[in-house]
Amino acid sequence: MPPDAVPAPRRWLAEGRASWRLALAVVFVALLLDNMLLTVVVPIIPTFLYTTEYKGANSSAAPRQPESAPSAEEASPFSSVFSYFDNSTVTVSGSTSTTEPLNGTMSGHTLQPPTSPPPPPSGCLEGEEFLANENVRVGLLFASKALVQLMVNPFVGLLTNRIGYHIPMFIGFIIMFLSTVMFAFSGTYTLLFIARALQGVGSSFSSVAGLGMLASIYTDDFERGNAMGIALGGLALGVLIGAPFGSVMYEFMGKASPFLVLAFLALLDGALQLCILQPSKISPESTQGTPVFTLLRDPYILVAAGALCFSNMGVAMLEPTLPIWMMQTMCSPKWQLGMAFLPASISYLIGTNLFGVLANKMGRWLCSLIGMAVVGISLLCVPLAKSIYGLIGPNGGLGFAIGMVDSSMMPIMGYLVDLRHTSIYGNVYAIADVAFCMGFAIGPSTGGAIVRAIGFPWLMVIIGVINIAYAPLCWYLRSPPAREEKIAILSQECPMQTKSYTTQKPLRDFPLTDDSDVEAENEE
């Protein structure tokens, strides 16, 4: 059939499968949906568990309040909750109103001066002991996704070397869709835990295969940095939309509504992958990639992975603990719990897109060093906030700084493989994703326990100091040495500052068309 006789839709598909930009769009959408699901649960889970599991205690206490003597005594439980600004640890129980009969007259003096006028009693939550325990349980639920992803990532890296990137990407879509539907209809902690863990499996397939595919397409260092910045922009946009979207939808339309919307968007992503990636086609790499354990023995890859881990651990600790801290100290309504993360999400979106280009000019090592220092300073400022408006500055700085680190370290991981190992990228981006997962596994699981033991402010001090202390190690990424056998391959000898280099294997067309595979076989 002559080219002019080919129907327009088929011609569009053929051109799309050979387009690098459409492949980048597929990865962008996959990361967007993955991180929307990651953060949409942040404002929903704490209040949902409080409503469902603490309802019995509230309903049993409700009939007793009209029968108790004066109404002034009823105000004492609310005053004890509001006094958490002063780090007091008064246990809320029915006996407080009887053991402190003078609090009805004293509460007017103790409530007004400390910070701001108290909100209506209906806005505050009772049950300090339940909220303290919920810190740990919510942290473990959030960490389950990262723990599962941590275990699955190495196997996905090996799988991409054997069958290519397209099939794992589509497998990730299927699993993510099932996890989203399960979130919508889960009503217990156990089912929510399983849905979160299932999301970790799907996220592993999508992120490792997607980032590895981009690194194999964009072999020029400058173009790869730009592409990674755009892909991480999808991640940032998902984080940006997820928490506010979840809190507003949950407040006004119920728990299932945000997850059903995400499930519909996931179906559209699956249709896009079917059209562009041809996930039924196996396209293994022509050469054997460097084993994971060999890459893990490379100190420069470990430094880059550590920067990804610790910078993201800060926001991972905030996700389960900040909403509960706001419920205790600010008596925040449900919609504010997600909106508190909005400044971080917007600034992260700006940071990843801005420094995807600037980091290559100023030095990615310097960009990540400054970013980690700003992460630490921002975390130290979070406990100083007395209202949701006080969180705008610290959270905005936190998101912008993490964007600096992520947009610098992702291209560095691919560059280090080109410089010191075989230019096959599945395993190194599995390591990068493992670093993310360790941050999001250790952060929530330990954060809740630390808050219960020594309080939320000290948690922020610990993780902030860790980031500031780790920042100088990024200096070692300024000029990493090449392996002897790779020096002759690289076109220039000034590592982290070069804008282009020649990889170990010749540049191939984007491996989504039949012609590119035929050419690869002829070259061999």
Protein backbone atom coordinates (compact mmCIF):
# COMPACT_ATOMS: atom_id res chain seq x y z
CA MET A 1 0.00 0.00 0.00
CA PRO A 2 1.52 3.35 -0.97
CA PRO A 3 2.11 5.85 1.87
CA ASP A 4 -0.60 8.18 0.58
CA ALA A 5 -3.18 5.39 0.80
CA VAL A 6 -2.53 4.69 4.52
CA PRO A 7 -5.49 5.87 6.63
CA ALA A 8 -4.82 8.95 8.74
CA PRO A 9 -5.33 7.23 12.15
CA ARG A 10 -2.84 4.48 11.29
CA ARG A 11 -0.37 7.02 9.97
CA TRP A 12 -0.75 9.01 13.19
CA LEU A 13 -0.12 5.88 15.27
CA ALA A 14 2.96 5.01 13.25
CA GLU A 15 4.35 8.51 13.71
CA GLY A 16 3.42 8.50 17.40
CA ARG A 17 5.23 5.24 18.07
CA ALA A 18 8.40 6.72 16.60
CA SER A 19 8.07 9.99 18.55
CA TRP A 20 10.25 10.59 21.59
CA ARG A 21 7.94 13.31 22.82
CA LEU A 22 4.90 11.01 22.95
CA ALA A 23 6.94 8.45 24.87
CA LEU A 24 7.83 11.23 27.31
CA ALA A 25 4.13 12.11 27.54
CA VAL A 26 3.27 8.50 28.42
CA VAL A 27 5.81 8.49 31.27
CA PHE A 28 4.58 11.93 32.40
CA VAL A 29 0.96 10.72 32.67
CA ALA A 30 1.97 7.48 34.42
CA LEU A 31 3.96 9.35 37.09
CA LEU A 32 1.16 11.92 37.42
CA LEU A 33 -1.49 9.31 38.25
CA ASP A 34 0.84 7.31 40.48
CA ASN A 35 1.61 10.32 42.65
CA MET A 36 -1.96 11.58 42.67
CA LEU A 37 -2.92 8.26 44.24
CA LEU A 38 0.11 8.51 46.53
CA THR A 39 -0.98 11.84 48.03
CA VAL A 40 -4.76 11.80 47.66
CA VAL A 41 -4.96 9.49 50.69
CA VAL A 42 -2.89 11.80 52.92
CA PRO A 43 -5.82 13.98 54.14
CA ILE A 44 -8.41 11.19 53.84
CA ILE A 45 -6.98 8.29 55.86
CA PRO A 46 -6.44 10.03 59.26
CA THR A 47 -9.92 11.58 59.38
CA PHE A 48 -11.59 8.51 57.89
CA LEU A 49 -10.09 6.21 60.54
CA TYR A 50 -10.93 8.72 63.28
CA THR A 51 -14.54 8.94 62.08
CA THR A 52 -15.07 5.20 61.69
CA GLU A 53 -13.08 3.84 64.64
CA TYR A 54 -13.60 6.57 67.23
CA LYS A 55 -17.30 7.07 66.45
CA GLY A 56 -18.36 4.56 69.12
CA ALA A 57 -16.52 6.44 71.83
CA ASN A 58 -17.99 9.76 70.74
CA SER A 59 -21.53 8.41 70.49
CA SER A 60 -21.32 6.79 73.91
CA ALA A 61 -20.09 10.04 75.44
CA ALA A 62 -22.72 12.16 73.74
CA PRO A 63 -25.77 11.15 75.86
CA ARG A 64 -23.88 11.82 79.06
CA GLN A 65 -23.09 15.44 78.32
CA PRO A 66 -26.65 16.83 78.65
CA GLU A 67 -27.02 15.00 81.97
CA SER A 68 -23.84 16.45 83.44
CA ALA A 69 -24.20 19.49 85.60
CA PRO A 70 -23.14 22.88 84.27
CA SER A 71 -22.25 23.55 80.66
CA ALA A 72 -19.03 25.19 81.80
CA GLU A 73 -17.72 21.79 82.78
CA GLU A 74 -18.31 20.52 79.26
CA ALA A 75 -15.89 23.09 77.92
CA SER A 76 -12.94 21.60 79.81
CA PRO A 77 -12.30 18.71 77.40
CA PHE A 78 -12.13 21.19 74.54
CA SER A 79 -9.79 23.47 76.46
CA SER A 80 -7.44 20.56 77.10
CA VAL A 81 -7.28 19.77 73.40
CA PHE A 82 -6.65 23.40 72.46
CA SER A 83 -3.84 23.71 75.02
CA TYR A 84 -1.62 21.40 72.94
CA PHE A 85 0.00 24.57 71.60
CA ASP A 86 1.80 24.64 74.97
CA ASN A 87 2.89 20.99 74.61
CA SER A 88 0.73 19.93 77.55
CA THR A 89 -0.34 16.31 77.73
CA VAL A 90 -3.72 16.39 79.43
CA THR A 91 -5.64 13.18 78.84
CA VAL A 92 -9.16 13.79 77.54
CA SER A 93 -11.64 11.67 79.46
CA GLY A 94 -14.96 11.93 81.15
CA SER A 95 -13.33 12.29 84.56
CA THR A 96 -11.63 15.60 83.80
CA SER A 97 -14.80 17.59 84.24
CA THR A 98 -15.42 16.09 87.69
CA THR A 99 -11.89 16.26 89.07
CA GLU A 100 -11.40 19.93 88.12
CA PRO A 101 -14.57 21.73 89.11
CA LEU A 102 -12.91 25.17 88.92
CA ASN A 103 -11.86 24.80 85.28
CA GLY A 104 -15.19 26.17 84.18
CA THR A 105 -14.19 29.57 85.56
CA MET A 106 -10.48 29.21 84.82
CA SER A 107 -10.87 28.09 81.23
CA GLY A 108 -11.79 31.57 80.10
CA HIS A 109 -8.38 32.77 81.29
CA THR A 110 -6.31 29.82 80.06
CA LEU A 111 -7.81 29.58 76.58
CA GLN A 112 -7.70 33.18 75.37
CA PRO A 113 -4.10 34.41 75.83
CA PRO A 114 -1.82 31.63 74.42
CA THR A 115 -2.24 31.92 70.66
CA SER A 116 -5.49 32.83 68.97
CA PRO A 117 -9.20 32.78 69.80
CA PRO A 118 -10.36 29.17 70.07
CA PRO A 119 -12.49 27.82 67.26
CA PRO A 120 -15.94 26.43 67.89
CA PRO A 121 -15.85 23.28 69.99
CA SER A 122 -17.22 21.25 67.09
CA GLY A 123 -14.00 21.90 65.14
CA CYS A 124 -11.71 20.27 67.72
CA LEU A 125 -11.16 16.57 68.13
CA GLU A 126 -11.23 14.64 71.37
CA GLY A 127 -9.25 11.56 72.23
CA GLU A 128 -5.57 12.40 72.55
CA GLU A 129 -4.61 8.78 73.21
CA PHE A 130 -6.42 7.60 70.08
CA LEU A 131 -4.72 10.29 67.96
CA ALA A 132 -1.32 9.37 69.39
CA ASN A 133 -1.87 5.72 68.45
CA GLU A 134 -3.20 6.77 65.06
CA ASN A 135 0.13 8.44 64.28
CA VAL A 136 1.79 5.03 64.35
CA ARG A 137 -0.96 3.16 62.48
CA VAL A 138 -1.31 5.76 59.73
CA GLY A 139 2.48 5.90 59.38
CA LEU A 140 2.68 2.13 58.90
CA LEU A 141 -0.14 2.22 56.34
CA PHE A 142 1.61 4.94 54.33
CA ALA A 143 4.95 3.13 54.60
CA SER A 144 3.53 -0.18 53.31
CA LYS A 145 3.54 1.13 49.73
CA ALA A 146 7.21 2.04 49.88
CA LEU A 147 8.20 -1.19 51.64
CA VAL A 148 6.57 -3.33 48.96
CA GLN A 149 8.01 -1.15 46.21
CA LEU A 150 11.42 -1.52 47.83
CA MET A 151 11.23 -5.31 47.51
CA VAL A 152 9.82 -5.36 43.96
CA ASN A 153 12.15 -2.79 42.35
CA PRO A 154 15.22 -5.05 41.84
CA PHE A 155 13.10 -7.67 40.07
CA VAL A 156 11.54 -5.03 37.81
CA GLY A 157 15.02 -3.77 36.89
CA LEU A 158 16.04 -7.30 35.83
CA LEU A 159 12.76 -7.76 33.96
CA THR A 160 13.27 -4.60 31.89
CA ASN A 161 16.68 -5.91 30.79
CA ARG A 162 15.06 -9.11 29.52
CA ILE A 163 11.81 -7.95 27.89
CA GLY A 164 12.19 -4.18 27.52
CA TYR A 165 10.27 -1.32 29.09
CA HIS A 166 6.86 -1.43 27.39
CA ILE A 167 5.29 -4.53 28.95
CA PRO A 168 6.33 -3.58 32.54
CA MET A 169 4.82 -0.12 32.00
CA PHE A 170 1.48 -1.67 31.05
CA ILE A 171 1.60 -4.14 33.95
CA GLY A 172 2.08 -1.15 36.24
CA PHE A 173 -1.06 0.48 34.82
CA ILE A 174 -3.19 -2.65 35.44
CA ILE A 175 -2.03 -2.97 39.06
CA MET A 176 -2.50 0.74 39.74
CA PHE A 177 -6.06 0.60 38.42
CA LEU A 178 -6.91 -2.34 40.72
CA SER A 179 -5.38 -0.56 43.70
CA THR A 180 -7.37 2.62 43.01
CA VAL A 181 -10.67 0.74 42.82
CA MET A 182 -9.83 -1.11 46.03
CA PHE A 183 -9.16 2.20 47.82
CA ALA A 184 -12.58 3.47 46.75
CA PHE A 185 -14.50 0.60 48.33
CA SER A 186 -12.33 -0.31 51.35
CA GLY A 187 -13.92 0.44 54.71
CA THR A 188 -11.44 -1.05 57.18
CA TYR A 189 -7.81 -0.45 58.09
CA THR A 190 -6.80 -3.91 56.83
CA LEU A 191 -8.27 -3.42 53.35
CA LEU A 192 -6.76 0.05 53.08
CA PHE A 193 -3.39 -1.43 54.05
CA ILE A 194 -3.66 -4.07 51.30
CA ALA A 195 -4.67 -1.46 48.71
CA ARG A 196 -1.68 0.71 49.67
CA ALA A 197 0.71 -2.24 49.40
CA LEU A 198 -0.74 -3.19 46.00
CA GLN A 199 -0.11 0.36 44.85
CA GLY A 200 3.57 -0.18 45.66
CA VAL A 201 3.79 -3.05 43.19
CA GLY A 202 2.20 -1.02 40.39
CA SER A 203 4.31 2.03 41.16
CA SER A 204 7.48 -0.04 40.95
CA PHE A 205 6.66 -1.23 37.44
CA SER A 206 5.64 2.24 36.21
CA SER A 207 8.50 4.28 37.65
CA VAL A 208 11.43 1.92 36.96
CA ALA A 209 10.30 1.11 33.42
CA GLY A 210 9.34 4.71 32.63
CA LEU A 211 12.55 6.36 33.81
CA GLY A 212 14.68 3.61 32.28
CA MET A 213 12.93 4.07 28.94
CA LEU A 214 13.59 7.82 28.99
CA ALA A 215 17.26 7.30 29.80
CA SER A 216 17.61 4.88 26.88
CA ILE A 217 15.90 7.29 24.46
CA TYR A 218 17.64 10.53 25.49
CA THR A 219 21.34 9.63 25.44
CA ASP A 220 22.57 13.23 25.31
CA ASP A 221 23.25 14.50 28.84
CA PHE A 222 21.61 17.91 28.31
CA GLU A 223 18.50 16.48 26.63
CA ARG A 224 18.24 13.74 29.25
CA GLY A 225 18.28 16.34 32.02
CA ASN A 226 15.45 18.25 30.34
CA ALA A 227 13.42 15.07 29.76
CA MET A 228 13.87 13.95 33.36
CA GLY A 229 12.80 17.40 34.53
CA ILE A 230 9.61 17.17 32.47
CA ALA A 231 8.89 13.63 33.70
CA LEU A 232 9.44 14.70 37.30
CA GLY A 233 7.07 17.56 36.56
CA GLY A 234 4.38 14.91 36.14
CA LEU A 235 5.36 13.53 39.53
CA ALA A 236 5.19 17.04 40.98
CA LEU A 237 1.84 17.77 39.38
CA GLY A 238 0.44 14.56 40.86
CA VAL A 239 1.68 15.58 44.30
CA LEU A 240 0.31 19.08 43.71
CA ILE A 241 -3.20 17.93 42.77
CA GLY A 242 -3.47 14.85 45.00
CA ALA A 243 -3.76 16.15 48.56
CA PRO A 244 -5.99 19.21 47.90
CA PHE A 245 -8.12 17.23 45.46
CA GLY A 246 -8.56 14.42 47.99
CA SER A 247 -9.43 16.69 50.89
CA VAL A 248 -12.03 18.72 48.97
CA MET A 249 -13.65 15.67 47.33
CA TYR A 250 -13.75 13.80 50.66
CA GLU A 251 -15.26 16.79 52.46
CA PHE A 252 -18.08 17.39 49.99
CA MET A 253 -18.59 14.16 47.97
CA GLY A 254 -17.45 11.26 50.16
CA LYS A 255 -14.47 8.94 50.41
CA ALA A 256 -14.98 6.93 47.20
CA SER A 257 -15.30 9.92 44.84
CA PRO A 258 -11.61 10.91 44.42
CA PHE A 259 -10.56 7.30 43.84
CA LEU A 260 -13.24 6.70 41.22
CA VAL A 261 -12.07 9.79 39.32
CA LEU A 262 -8.48 8.49 39.45
CA ALA A 263 -9.62 5.06 38.23
CA PHE A 264 -11.24 6.68 35.18
CA LEU A 265 -8.05 8.65 34.44
CA ALA A 266 -6.03 5.44 34.80
CA LEU A 267 -8.17 3.84 32.08
CA LEU A 268 -7.32 6.73 29.76
CA ASP A 269 -3.63 6.22 30.55
CA GLY A 270 -3.96 2.53 29.68
CA ALA A 271 -5.52 3.40 26.32
CA LEU A 272 -2.64 5.81 25.63
CA GLN A 273 -0.09 3.11 26.42
CA LEU A 274 -1.83 0.62 24.14
CA CYS A 275 -1.67 3.11 21.25
CA ILE A 276 1.89 4.35 21.77
CA LEU A 277 3.95 1.64 23.49
CA GLN A 278 2.62 -1.61 21.96
CA PRO A 279 2.97 -3.47 25.30
CA SER A 280 2.57 -6.88 23.62
CA LYS A 281 5.96 -6.49 21.94
CA ILE A 282 9.12 -7.81 23.62
CA SER A 283 12.21 -5.69 22.94
CA PRO A 284 15.11 -6.80 25.16
CA GLU A 285 18.32 -4.83 25.46
CA SER A 286 21.07 -5.85 23.02
CA THR A 287 23.78 -5.91 25.72
CA GLN A 288 23.88 -7.17 29.28
CA GLY A 289 23.35 -4.49 31.92
CA THR A 290 25.54 -4.02 34.97
CA PRO A 291 24.25 -6.15 37.89
CA VAL A 292 22.45 -4.35 40.71
CA PHE A 293 24.96 -5.42 43.36
CA THR A 294 27.84 -4.07 41.28
CA LEU A 295 26.07 -0.71 41.02
CA LEU A 296 25.41 -0.72 44.77
CA ARG A 297 29.18 -1.01 45.38
CA ASP A 298 29.77 2.21 43.45
CA PRO A 299 30.24 4.97 46.09
CA TYR A 300 29.11 7.73 43.74
CA ILE A 301 25.81 6.00 42.99
CA LEU A 302 25.33 5.48 46.74
CA VAL A 303 25.89 9.19 47.44
CA ALA A 304 23.32 10.16 44.79
CA ALA A 305 20.85 7.58 46.11
CA GLY A 306 21.34 8.83 49.66
CA ALA A 307 20.55 12.39 48.61
CA LEU A 308 17.28 11.19 47.03
CA CYS A 309 16.44 9.16 50.13
CA PHE A 310 17.04 11.75 52.87
CA SER A 311 15.60 14.74 51.01
CA ASN A 312 12.33 12.90 50.36
CA MET A 313 12.26 11.38 53.86
CA GLY A 314 11.36 14.79 55.28
CA VAL A 315 8.13 15.14 53.33
CA ALA A 316 7.45 11.43 53.91
CA MET A 317 7.50 12.06 57.66
CA LEU A 318 5.18 15.03 57.24
CA GLU A 319 2.50 13.10 55.35
CA PRO A 320 1.14 11.03 58.27
CA THR A 321 2.11 13.33 61.16
CA LEU A 322 1.33 16.86 59.94
CA PRO A 323 -2.46 16.33 59.45
CA ILE A 324 -2.79 14.81 62.94
CA TRP A 325 -0.65 17.58 64.46
CA MET A 326 -2.93 20.14 62.76
CA MET A 327 -6.02 18.33 64.08
CA GLN A 328 -4.61 18.52 67.61
CA THR A 329 -3.09 22.01 67.67
CA MET A 330 -5.07 24.00 65.09
CA CYS A 331 -8.42 22.18 65.19
CA SER A 332 -8.25 22.24 61.37
CA PRO A 333 -11.26 21.13 59.29
CA LYS A 334 -10.80 18.26 56.86
CA TRP A 335 -10.26 20.39 53.76
CA GLN A 336 -7.31 22.21 55.34
CA LEU A 337 -5.42 18.97 56.00
CA GLY A 338 -4.75 18.56 52.29
CA MET A 339 -4.38 22.24 51.50
CA ALA A 340 -1.43 22.44 53.90
CA PHE A 341 0.64 20.50 51.34
CA LEU A 342 -0.34 22.81 48.45
CA PRO A 343 2.64 25.24 48.82
CA ALA A 344 5.08 22.32 48.80
CA SER A 345 3.47 20.81 45.71
CA ILE A 346 3.42 24.07 43.73
CA SER A 347 7.03 24.90 44.59
CA TYR A 348 8.11 21.33 43.76
CA LEU A 349 6.51 21.66 40.33
CA ILE A 350 8.39 24.94 39.78
CA GLY A 351 11.66 23.55 41.11
CA THR A 352 11.75 20.41 38.96
CA ASN A 353 11.02 22.29 35.74
CA LEU A 354 13.31 25.22 36.53
CA PHE A 355 16.33 23.23 37.64
CA GLY A 356 15.94 20.57 34.96
CA VAL A 357 17.68 23.21 32.80
CA LEU A 358 19.57 25.34 35.34
CA ALA A 359 21.17 22.41 37.18
CA ASN A 360 23.12 21.46 34.06
CA LYS A 361 24.60 24.98 33.89
CA MET A 362 25.35 25.60 37.56
CA GLY A 363 26.47 22.04 38.30
CA ARG A 364 24.09 19.33 39.43
CA TRP A 365 26.21 18.55 42.47
CA LEU A 366 25.96 22.17 43.67
CA CYS A 367 22.24 22.30 42.96
CA SER A 368 21.63 19.18 45.05
CA LEU A 369 23.92 20.40 47.86
CA ILE A 370 22.02 23.69 48.17
CA GLY A 371 18.69 21.83 47.89
CA MET A 372 19.44 19.50 50.79
CA ALA A 373 20.51 22.40 53.00
CA VAL A 374 17.26 24.26 52.24
CA VAL A 375 15.28 21.06 52.95
CA GLY A 376 16.80 20.89 56.42
CA ILE A 377 16.14 24.56 57.19
CA SER A 378 12.54 24.33 56.00
CA LEU A 379 11.84 21.30 58.16
CA LEU A 380 13.21 23.09 61.22
CA CYS A 381 10.72 25.93 60.60
CA VAL A 382 7.59 23.74 60.28
CA PRO A 383 6.85 23.40 64.05
CA LEU A 384 6.95 27.20 64.43
CA ALA A 385 3.65 27.54 62.55
CA LYS A 386 0.60 28.38 64.65
CA SER A 387 -1.95 28.22 61.83
CA ILE A 388 -2.24 26.89 58.30
CA TYR A 389 -0.90 30.22 57.00
CA GLY A 390 2.29 29.72 58.97
CA LEU A 391 2.95 26.53 57.02
CA ILE A 392 3.07 28.30 53.64
CA GLY A 393 6.71 29.42 53.93
CA PRO A 394 8.28 26.22 55.33
CA ASN A 395 6.31 23.89 53.06
CA GLY A 396 6.99 26.07 50.02
CA GLY A 397 10.72 26.04 50.69
CA LEU A 398 10.63 22.31 51.31
CA GLY A 399 8.97 21.52 47.99
CA PHE A 400 11.24 23.85 46.00
CA ALA A 401 14.37 22.33 47.56
CA ILE A 402 13.27 18.74 46.97
CA GLY A 403 12.61 19.70 43.35
CA MET A 404 16.22 20.92 43.12
CA VAL A 405 17.54 17.60 44.45
CA ASP A 406 15.31 15.32 42.36
CA SER A 407 15.86 17.14 39.06
CA SER A 408 19.63 17.01 39.66
CA MET A 409 20.03 13.47 40.93
CA MET A 410 17.90 11.65 38.35
CA PRO A 411 20.10 12.68 35.39
CA ILE A 412 23.22 12.07 37.50
CA MET A 413 22.19 8.44 38.04
CA GLY A 414 22.00 7.87 34.29
CA TYR A 415 25.26 9.79 33.73
CA LEU A 416 27.14 7.71 36.30
CA VAL A 417 26.10 4.53 34.53
CA ASP A 418 27.31 5.93 31.20
CA LEU A 419 30.54 7.08 32.81
CA ARG A 420 31.44 4.08 34.94
CA HIS A 421 29.33 1.09 33.83
CA THR A 422 27.34 -0.35 30.92
CA SER A 423 24.80 2.05 29.44
CA ILE A 424 21.73 0.00 30.38
CA TYR A 425 19.48 1.94 32.73
CA GLY A 426 16.86 -0.40 34.22
CA ASN A 427 18.96 -1.38 37.23
CA VAL A 428 20.25 2.09 38.11
CA TYR A 429 16.74 3.57 38.08
CA ALA A 430 15.59 0.64 40.16
CA ILE A 431 18.21 1.78 42.69
CA ALA A 432 16.97 5.37 42.39
CA ASP A 433 13.42 4.21 43.05
CA VAL A 434 14.65 2.10 45.97
CA ALA A 435 16.16 5.28 47.42
CA PHE A 436 12.80 7.03 47.11
CA CYS A 437 11.09 4.05 48.70
CA MET A 438 13.48 3.88 51.63
CA GLY A 439 12.68 7.51 52.37
CA PHE A 440 8.95 6.90 52.12
CA ALA A 441 9.20 3.64 54.10
CA ILE A 442 11.46 4.73 56.96
CA GLY A 443 9.89 8.18 57.19
CA PRO A 444 6.23 7.35 57.92
CA SER A 445 6.94 4.14 59.87
CA THR A 446 9.39 5.78 62.29
CA GLY A 447 7.87 9.25 62.23
CA GLY A 448 4.69 8.24 64.02
CA ALA A 449 6.62 6.43 66.75
CA ILE A 450 8.99 9.39 67.23
CA VAL A 451 6.07 11.81 67.49
CA ARG A 452 4.46 9.65 70.16
CA ALA A 453 7.73 9.40 72.11
CA ILE A 454 9.16 12.94 71.97
CA GLY A 455 6.68 15.06 69.98
CA PHE A 456 6.26 16.46 66.47
CA PRO A 457 8.71 19.41 66.84
CA TRP A 458 11.61 17.12 67.76
CA LEU A 459 10.84 14.89 64.78
CA MET A 460 11.31 17.88 62.48
CA VAL A 461 14.56 18.82 64.24
CA ILE A 462 15.98 15.30 63.76
CA ILE A 463 15.24 14.96 60.04
CA GLY A 464 16.19 18.60 59.37
CA VAL A 465 19.63 18.16 60.97
CA ILE A 466 20.17 14.91 59.03
CA ASN A 467 19.58 16.70 55.70
CA ILE A 468 21.90 19.58 56.58
CA ALA A 469 24.61 17.15 57.68
CA TYR A 470 24.32 15.05 54.52
CA ALA A 471 24.43 18.00 52.08
CA PRO A 472 28.27 18.33 51.93
CA LEU A 473 28.56 14.77 50.58
CA CYS A 474 27.12 16.00 47.27
CA TRP A 475 30.50 17.67 46.67
CA TYR A 476 31.91 14.23 45.77
CA LEU A 477 29.63 14.19 42.70
CA ARG A 478 31.39 17.27 41.30
CA SER A 479 33.84 15.27 39.19
CA PRO A 480 33.42 11.50 39.47
CA PRO A 481 36.18 9.52 37.72
CA ALA A 482 35.43 7.34 34.72
CA ARG A 483 36.44 3.71 34.49
CA GLU A 484 39.53 3.16 32.37
CA GLU A 485 37.68 1.33 29.61
CA LYS A 486 35.11 4.15 29.40
CA ILE A 487 37.54 7.05 29.03
CA ALA A 488 38.13 6.30 25.36
CA ILE A 489 34.37 6.18 24.76
CA LEU A 490 33.54 9.55 26.23
CA SER A 491 34.09 12.48 23.92
CA GLN A 492 35.11 14.86 26.69
CA GLU A 493 36.94 14.35 29.97
CA CYS A 494 35.16 16.97 32.09
CA PRO A 495 32.42 14.83 33.63
CA MET A 496 29.53 16.55 35.38
CA GLN A 497 29.95 19.76 33.35
CA THR A 498 29.77 18.34 29.84
CA LYS A 499 26.64 18.87 27.84
CA SER A 500 26.96 15.88 25.53
CA TYR A 501 28.86 12.64 25.31
CA THR A 502 28.93 9.46 23.26
CA THR A 503 27.50 6.40 24.97
CA GLN A 504 28.88 2.88 24.79
CA LYS A 505 26.50 1.80 22.06
CA PRO A 506 25.46 3.77 18.95
CA LEU A 507 22.30 5.82 19.12
CA ARG A 508 19.23 3.94 17.95
CA ASP A 509 15.85 5.22 16.98
CA PHE A 510 13.24 5.08 19.69
CA PRO A 511 12.60 1.30 19.91
CA LEU A 512 8.88 1.44 19.31
CA THR A 513 8.82 0.81 15.57
CA ASP A 514 9.45 -2.37 13.65
CA ASP A 515 12.13 -0.68 11.53
CA SER A 516 14.29 0.18 14.53
CA ASP A 517 14.50 -3.47 15.61
CA VAL A 518 15.46 -4.57 12.08
CA GLU A 519 18.23 -1.98 12.03
CA ALA A 520 19.50 -3.18 15.41
CA GLU A 521 19.68 -6.77 14.14
CA ASN A 522 21.58 -5.67 11.02
CA GLU A 523 24.08 -3.77 13.14
CA GLU A 524 24.80 -6.87 15.16
